[in-house]
C-alpha atoms as a PDB file:
ATOM      1  CA  MET A   1     -37.350  18.275  -7.429  1.00  0.00           C
ATOM      2  CA  LYS A   2     -39.221  15.561  -9.279  1.00  0.00           C
ATOM      3  CA  GLU A   3     -40.125  12.238  -7.715  1.00  0.00           C
ATOM      4  CA  PRO A   4     -37.553   9.548  -8.565  1.00  0.00           C
ATOM      5  CA  THR A   5     -38.673   6.897 -11.039  1.00  0.00           C
ATOM      6  CA  GLU A   6     -38.132   3.185 -10.552  1.00  0.00           C
ATOM      7  CA  GLN A   7     -35.144   3.417 -12.919  1.00  0.00           C
ATOM      8  CA  ASP A   8     -33.730   6.299 -10.834  1.00  0.00           C
ATOM      9  CA  MET A   9     -34.094   4.212  -7.686  1.00  0.00           C
ATOM     10  CA  ASP A  10     -32.364   1.242  -9.327  1.00  0.00           C
ATOM     11  CA  GLN A  11     -29.434   3.494 -10.263  1.00  0.00           C
ATOM     12  CA  ILE A  12     -29.326   5.013  -6.778  1.00  0.00           C
ATOM     13  CA  ASN A  13     -29.358   1.576  -5.142  1.00  0.00           C
ATOM     14  CA  ALA A  14     -26.629   0.222  -7.442  1.00  0.00           C
ATOM     15  CA  LEU A  15     -24.389   3.230  -6.785  1.00  0.00           C
ATOM     16  CA  SER A  16     -25.087   3.069  -3.051  1.00  0.00           C
ATOM     17  CA  ASP A  17     -24.104  -0.606  -2.987  1.00  0.00           C
ATOM     18  CA  LYS A  18     -20.817   0.149  -4.780  1.00  0.00           C
ATOM     19  CA  VAL A  19     -19.963   3.071  -2.504  1.00  0.00           C
ATOM     20  CA  LEU A  20     -20.858   1.088   0.606  1.00  0.00           C
ATOM     21  CA  ALA A  21     -18.694  -1.858  -0.512  1.00  0.00           C
ATOM     22  CA  LEU A  22     -15.746   0.449  -1.138  1.00  0.00           C
ATOM     23  CA  VAL A  23     -16.148   2.202   2.197  1.00  0.00           C
ATOM     24  CA  MET A  24     -16.597  -1.032   4.126  1.00  0.00           C
ATOM     25  CA  ASN A  25     -13.397  -2.436   2.596  1.00  0.00           C
ATOM     26  CA  THR A  26     -11.497   0.753   3.387  1.00  0.00           C
ATOM     27  CA  GLU A  27     -12.773   1.328   6.887  1.00  0.00           C
ATOM     28  CA  MET A  28     -11.608  -2.058   8.128  1.00  0.00           C
ATOM     29  CA  GLU A  29      -8.015  -0.772   8.262  1.00  0.00           C
ATOM     30  CA  ASN A  30      -8.407   3.018   7.961  1.00  0.00           C
ATOM     31  CA  PRO A  31     -11.768   4.332   9.150  1.00  0.00           C
ATOM     32  CA  HIS A  32     -10.545   7.944   9.046  1.00  0.00           C
ATOM     33  CA  ILE A  33      -9.783   7.563   5.328  1.00  0.00           C
ATOM     34  CA  ALA A  34     -13.292   6.216   4.673  1.00  0.00           C
ATOM     35  CA  ILE A  35     -14.821   9.208   6.454  1.00  0.00           C
ATOM     36  CA  ALA A  36     -12.558  11.640   4.595  1.00  0.00           C
ATOM     37  CA  ALA A  37     -13.430  10.052   1.240  1.00  0.00           C
ATOM     38  CA  LEU A  38     -17.168  10.180   1.878  1.00  0.00           C
ATOM     39  CA  SER A  39     -16.903  13.744   3.145  1.00  0.00           C
ATOM     40  CA  HIS A  40     -15.034  14.769   0.012  1.00  0.00           C
ATOM     41  CA  VAL A  41     -17.611  13.198  -2.286  1.00  0.00           C
ATOM     42  CA  THR A  42     -20.573  14.692  -0.434  1.00  0.00           C
ATOM     43  CA  GLY A  43     -18.803  18.047  -0.309  1.00  0.00           C
ATOM     44  CA  VAL A  44     -18.285  18.047  -4.080  1.00  0.00           C
ATOM     45  CA  ILE A  45     -21.938  17.147  -4.651  1.00  0.00           C
ATOM     46  CA  ALA A  46     -23.090  19.886  -2.272  1.00  0.00           C
ATOM     47  CA  TYR A  47     -20.789  22.386  -4.010  1.00  0.00           C
ATOM     48  CA  GLU A  48     -22.148  21.440  -7.439  1.00  0.00           C
ATOM     49  CA  MET A  49     -25.672  21.873  -6.101  1.00  0.00           C
ATOM     50  CA  LYS A  50     -24.629  25.295  -4.761  1.00  0.00           C
ATOM     51  CA  MET A  51     -25.751  24.198  -1.320  1.00  0.00           C
ATOM     52  CA  PRO A  52     -24.813  26.682   1.423  1.00  0.00           C
ATOM     53  CA  GLU A  53     -22.245  25.397   3.904  1.00  0.00           C
ATOM     54  CA  ASN A  54     -24.607  25.585   6.861  1.00  0.00           C
ATOM     55  CA  VAL A  55     -27.272  23.553   5.019  1.00  0.00           C
ATOM     56  CA  PHE A  56     -24.671  20.932   4.089  1.00  0.00           C
ATOM     57  CA  LEU A  57     -23.538  20.667   7.713  1.00  0.00           C
ATOM     58  CA  ILE A  58     -27.121  20.402   8.961  1.00  0.00           C
ATOM     59  CA  CYS A  59     -27.727  17.518   6.527  1.00  0.00           C
ATOM     60  CA  MET A  60     -24.580  15.721   7.674  1.00  0.00           C
ATOM     61  CA  ILE A  61     -25.402  16.202  11.365  1.00  0.00           C
ATOM     62  CA  GLY A  62     -29.005  15.139  10.760  1.00  0.00           C
ATOM     63  CA  ALA A  63     -27.890  11.914   9.104  1.00  0.00           C
ATOM     64  CA  TYR A  64     -25.548  11.110  11.997  1.00  0.00           C
ATOM     65  CA  GLN A  65     -28.182  11.925  14.622  1.00  0.00           C
ATOM     66  CA  ALA A  66     -30.677   9.677  12.828  1.00  0.00           C
ATOM     67  CA  LEU A  67     -28.166   6.838  13.015  1.00  0.00           C
ATOM     68  CA  LEU A  68     -27.595   7.415  16.717  1.00  0.00           C
ATOM     69  CA  GLN A  69     -31.352   7.386  17.312  1.00  0.00           C
ATOM     70  CA  ALA A  70     -31.798   4.216  15.253  1.00  0.00           C
ATOM     71  CA  GLU A  71     -29.102   2.538  17.331  1.00  0.00           C
ATOM     72  CA  LYS A  72     -31.014   3.411  20.494  1.00  0.00           C
ATOM     73  CA  ASP A  73     -34.320   2.185  19.040  1.00  0.00           C
ATOM     74  CA  THR A  74     -33.060  -1.068  17.525  1.00  0.00           C
ATOM     75  CA  GLU A  75     -29.984  -3.184  17.750  1.00  0.00           C
ATOM     76  CA  VAL A  76     -27.671  -2.210  14.862  1.00  0.00           C
ATOM     77  CA  HIS A  77     -24.943  -4.561  13.699  1.00  0.00           C
END
């Protein structure tokens, strides 16, 4: 995979901001819906990439474990 360009990073950041805003608005009343929506989107992306199920699950668990560790290391709000 090629290194992302500055333009790629700008697009990634803009999309991330939009997704985060949507999820934050949703999770205030229905956190389970926010999780289901994000899981669906990441699942579709993983499927399109032909990512094996176990690799997908390892990535998801790794991201969650990193968050738990960050919370222990620093105060997260």
